[in-house]
Amino acid sequence: MTLTNEDLLAISQLLDTKLKPLEDRTKNIEILLENDILPRLQNSEACYTSTYRRYVNGSTQIEAMQADIDIMKKVISEHSKKLQKIS
């Protein structure tokens, strides 16, 4: 079976007609992603990134405070022993 140019043109037009709604929906999805979803994702990423940085800095501070507390406990214990000897 051989298709004529008219047959091929009719098939092409039919495909164009069938694909037009899909193209429109795809375009709408692209616009939604670009204008709505992507900015929200970027905002979420910025929030999580800044929170992560605060936690990293806070973790370092907590470790330093723990080291200071350990030293203070030792010094207080030694001073308590010295005070008990005096009294």
N, C-alpha and C. Protein backbone atom coordinates (compact mmCIF):
# COMPACT_ATOMS: atom_id res chain seq x y z
N MET A 1 0.85 -1.17 0.00
CA MET A 1 0.00 0.00 0.00
C MET A 1 0.90 1.24 0.00
N THR A 2 0.68 2.10 -0.90
CA THR A 2 1.46 3.31 -1.05
C THR A 2 0.61 4.50 -0.63
N LEU A 3 1.21 5.37 0.17
CA LEU A 3 0.51 6.57 0.61
C LEU A 3 0.83 7.72 -0.35
N THR A 4 -0.19 8.45 -0.67
CA THR A 4 0.01 9.61 -1.53
C THR A 4 0.40 10.81 -0.67
N ASN A 5 0.78 11.84 -1.38
CA ASN A 5 1.11 13.08 -0.67
C ASN A 5 -0.09 13.62 0.10
N GLU A 6 -1.26 13.45 -0.48
CA GLU A 6 -2.48 13.89 0.19
C GLU A 6 -2.71 13.09 1.47
N ASP A 7 -2.45 11.77 1.40
CA ASP A 7 -2.59 10.92 2.59
C ASP A 7 -1.61 11.36 3.68
N LEU A 8 -0.37 11.60 3.27
CA LEU A 8 0.64 12.02 4.23
C LEU A 8 0.30 13.38 4.84
N LEU A 9 -0.21 14.28 4.03
CA LEU A 9 -0.61 15.59 4.52
C LEU A 9 -1.76 15.46 5.51
N ALA A 10 -2.72 14.60 5.21
CA ALA A 10 -3.86 14.38 6.10
C ALA A 10 -3.39 13.79 7.43
N ILE A 11 -2.47 12.85 7.37
CA ILE A 11 -1.91 12.25 8.59
C ILE A 11 -1.18 13.30 9.41
N SER A 12 -0.41 14.13 8.72
CA SER A 12 0.35 15.19 9.39
C SER A 12 -0.60 16.16 10.10
N GLN A 13 -1.66 16.56 9.41
CA GLN A 13 -2.62 17.49 10.00
C GLN A 13 -3.34 16.85 11.19
N LEU A 14 -3.65 15.56 11.08
CA LEU A 14 -4.30 14.84 12.16
C LEU A 14 -3.39 14.79 13.39
N LEU A 15 -2.12 14.48 13.15
CA LEU A 15 -1.16 14.46 14.25
C LEU A 15 -1.00 15.83 14.89
N ASP A 16 -0.94 16.87 14.06
CA ASP A 16 -0.85 18.23 14.58
C ASP A 16 -2.05 18.55 15.46
N THR A 17 -3.23 18.16 15.01
CA THR A 17 -4.45 18.41 15.76
C THR A 17 -4.44 17.66 17.08
N LYS A 18 -3.99 16.41 17.06
CA LYS A 18 -3.95 15.59 18.27
C LYS A 18 -2.87 16.06 19.24
N LEU A 19 -1.76 16.54 18.72
CA LEU A 19 -0.65 16.93 19.57
C LEU A 19 -0.77 18.35 20.13
N LYS A 20 -1.60 19.18 19.53
CA LYS A 20 -1.74 20.57 19.98
C LYS A 20 -2.12 20.67 21.45
N PRO A 21 -3.12 19.91 21.94
CA PRO A 21 -3.43 20.01 23.37
C PRO A 21 -2.26 19.58 24.27
N LEU A 22 -1.51 18.58 23.82
CA LEU A 22 -0.35 18.16 24.60
C LEU A 22 0.72 19.24 24.63
N GLU A 23 0.92 19.89 23.52
CA GLU A 23 1.90 20.99 23.46
C GLU A 23 1.47 22.12 24.39
N ASP A 24 0.17 22.43 24.38
CA ASP A 24 -0.35 23.49 25.25
C ASP A 24 -0.16 23.13 26.72
N ARG A 25 -0.47 21.90 27.07
CA ARG A 25 -0.31 21.47 28.46
C ARG A 25 1.16 21.47 28.87
N THR A 26 2.01 21.03 27.97
CA THR A 26 3.45 21.03 28.25
C THR A 26 3.93 22.45 28.48
N LYS A 27 3.49 23.37 27.68
CA LYS A 27 3.88 24.77 27.82
C LYS A 27 3.40 25.32 29.16
N ASN A 28 2.17 24.98 29.54
CA ASN A 28 1.63 25.43 30.83
C ASN A 28 2.43 24.85 31.99
N ILE A 29 2.83 23.61 31.87
CA ILE A 29 3.64 22.98 32.92
C ILE A 29 5.00 23.67 33.01
N GLU A 30 5.61 23.97 31.88
CA GLU A 30 6.90 24.66 31.87
C GLU A 30 6.77 26.03 32.54
N ILE A 31 5.70 26.75 32.25
CA ILE A 31 5.49 28.06 32.85
C ILE A 31 5.29 27.93 34.36
N LEU A 32 4.50 26.94 34.77
CA LEU A 32 4.28 26.70 36.20
C LEU A 32 5.59 26.39 36.91
N LEU A 33 6.39 25.52 36.31
CA LEU A 33 7.68 25.17 36.91
C LEU A 33 8.58 26.39 37.04
N GLU A 34 8.63 27.17 35.99
CA GLU A 34 9.53 28.32 35.96
C GLU A 34 9.08 29.43 36.91
N ASN A 35 7.78 29.71 36.95
CA ASN A 35 7.29 30.86 37.70
C ASN A 35 6.87 30.55 39.13
N ASP A 36 6.54 29.31 39.42
CA ASP A 36 6.01 28.98 40.73
C ASP A 36 6.88 27.99 41.49
N ILE A 37 7.12 26.85 40.90
CA ILE A 37 7.82 25.77 41.60
C ILE A 37 9.29 26.11 41.83
N LEU A 38 9.98 26.54 40.80
CA LEU A 38 11.41 26.82 40.92
C LEU A 38 11.71 27.89 41.97
N PRO A 39 10.99 29.03 41.99
CA PRO A 39 11.27 30.01 43.06
C PRO A 39 11.02 29.44 44.45
N ARG A 40 9.99 28.61 44.60
CA ARG A 40 9.73 28.01 45.91
C ARG A 40 10.86 27.07 46.32
N LEU A 41 11.34 26.29 45.37
CA LEU A 41 12.45 25.39 45.67
C LEU A 41 13.70 26.17 46.06
N GLN A 42 13.95 27.25 45.35
CA GLN A 42 15.13 28.07 45.66
C GLN A 42 15.00 28.68 47.04
N ASN A 43 13.78 29.11 47.41
CA ASN A 43 13.55 29.67 48.73
C ASN A 43 13.77 28.61 49.81
N SER A 44 13.24 27.42 49.58
CA SER A 44 13.42 26.33 50.53
C SER A 44 14.89 25.99 50.68
N GLU A 45 15.59 25.94 49.58
CA GLU A 45 17.03 25.63 49.62
C GLU A 45 17.77 26.68 50.42
N ALA A 46 17.43 27.95 50.22
CA ALA A 46 18.09 29.03 50.95
C ALA A 46 17.83 28.90 52.45
N CYS A 47 16.60 28.56 52.82
CA CYS A 47 16.28 28.38 54.24
C CYS A 47 17.07 27.23 54.85
N TYR A 48 17.08 26.10 54.16
CA TYR A 48 17.80 24.94 54.68
C TYR A 48 19.30 25.20 54.74
N THR A 49 19.83 25.90 53.77
CA THR A 49 21.26 26.19 53.76
C THR A 49 21.64 27.10 54.93
N SER A 50 20.84 28.14 55.15
CA SER A 50 21.16 29.05 56.26
C SER A 50 21.00 28.33 57.60
N THR A 51 20.00 27.48 57.73
CA THR A 51 19.81 26.72 58.96
C THR A 51 20.99 25.78 59.19
N TYR A 52 21.43 25.14 58.14
CA TYR A 52 22.60 24.24 58.23
C TYR A 52 23.81 25.00 58.73
N ARG A 53 24.05 26.18 58.17
CA ARG A 53 25.21 26.97 58.59
C ARG A 53 25.12 27.34 60.07
N ARG A 54 23.90 27.72 60.52
CA ARG A 54 23.73 28.06 61.93
C ARG A 54 24.02 26.85 62.81
N TYR A 55 23.55 25.69 62.40
CA TYR A 55 23.79 24.48 63.19
C TYR A 55 25.27 24.12 63.23
N VAL A 56 25.95 24.28 62.13
CA VAL A 56 27.39 23.99 62.11
C VAL A 56 28.11 24.93 63.06
N ASN A 57 27.79 26.22 62.98
CA ASN A 57 28.42 27.19 63.88
C ASN A 57 28.02 26.91 65.33
N GLY A 58 26.77 26.59 65.57
CA GLY A 58 26.30 26.29 66.92
C GLY A 58 26.97 25.05 67.47
N SER A 59 27.18 24.06 66.63
CA SER A 59 27.84 22.83 67.06
C SER A 59 29.25 23.11 67.52
N THR A 60 29.96 23.95 66.81
CA THR A 60 31.32 24.33 67.18
C THR A 60 31.31 25.08 68.52
N GLN A 61 30.33 25.97 68.68
CA GLN A 61 30.23 26.72 69.94
C GLN A 61 29.91 25.80 71.10
N ILE A 62 29.03 24.82 70.90
CA ILE A 62 28.67 23.88 71.96
C ILE A 62 29.89 23.06 72.36
N GLU A 63 30.67 22.62 71.41
CA GLU A 63 31.88 21.87 71.73
C GLU A 63 32.85 22.71 72.54
N ALA A 64 32.99 23.98 72.17
CA ALA A 64 33.89 24.88 72.90
C ALA A 64 33.35 25.10 74.32
N MET A 65 32.04 25.30 74.45
CA MET A 65 31.46 25.49 75.78
C MET A 65 31.63 24.24 76.64
N GLN A 66 31.49 23.06 76.05
CA GLN A 66 31.68 21.82 76.79
C GLN A 66 33.10 21.71 77.31
N ALA A 67 34.06 22.09 76.48
CA ALA A 67 35.46 22.06 76.90
C ALA A 67 35.66 23.04 78.07
N ASP A 68 35.08 24.24 77.97
CA ASP A 68 35.18 25.22 79.06
C ASP A 68 34.53 24.69 80.33
N ILE A 69 33.39 24.07 80.24
CA ILE A 69 32.68 23.53 81.40
C ILE A 69 33.51 22.43 82.06
N ASP A 70 34.10 21.58 81.24
CA ASP A 70 34.94 20.51 81.80
C ASP A 70 36.10 21.10 82.60
N ILE A 71 36.72 22.14 82.07
CA ILE A 71 37.83 22.81 82.78
C ILE A 71 37.32 23.44 84.07
N MET A 72 36.17 24.12 83.96
CA MET A 72 35.59 24.77 85.15
C MET A 72 35.26 23.74 86.23
N LYS A 73 34.71 22.60 85.86
CA LYS A 73 34.40 21.54 86.84
C LYS A 73 35.67 21.10 87.57
N LYS A 74 36.72 20.92 86.81
CA LYS A 74 37.98 20.48 87.40
C LYS A 74 38.51 21.53 88.37
N VAL A 75 38.51 22.79 87.95
CA VAL A 75 39.01 23.88 88.79
C VAL A 75 38.14 24.03 90.03
N ILE A 76 36.83 23.99 89.88
CA ILE A 76 35.91 24.12 91.02
C ILE A 76 36.12 22.97 91.99
N SER A 77 36.30 21.79 91.47
CA SER A 77 36.54 20.63 92.33
C SER A 77 37.84 20.81 93.12
N GLU A 78 38.87 21.24 92.45
CA GLU A 78 40.15 21.47 93.13
C GLU A 78 40.01 22.57 94.19
N HIS A 79 39.32 23.65 93.86
CA HIS A 79 39.14 24.76 94.81
C HIS A 79 38.30 24.30 96.00
N SER A 80 37.29 23.46 95.73
CA SER A 80 36.47 22.95 96.83
C SER A 80 37.31 22.12 97.79
N LYS A 81 38.18 21.29 97.26
CA LYS A 81 39.06 20.48 98.10
C LYS A 81 39.99 21.37 98.92
N LYS A 82 40.55 22.42 98.30
CA LYS A 82 41.43 23.34 99.01
C LYS A 82 40.68 24.09 100.12
N LEU A 83 39.42 24.51 99.80
CA LEU A 83 38.62 25.21 100.80
C LEU A 83 38.26 24.30 101.97
N GLN A 84 38.00 23.03 101.69
CA GLN A 84 37.68 22.10 102.76
C GLN A 84 38.88 21.87 103.67
N LYS A 85 40.07 21.87 103.11
CA LYS A 85 41.30 21.71 103.92
C LYS A 85 41.51 22.91 104.83
N ILE A 86 41.18 24.09 104.30
CA ILE A 86 41.37 25.33 105.06
C ILE A 86 40.40 25.39 106.24
N SER A 87 39.17 24.96 106.01
CA SER A 87 38.17 25.10 107.05
C SER A 87 38.07 23.96 107.98
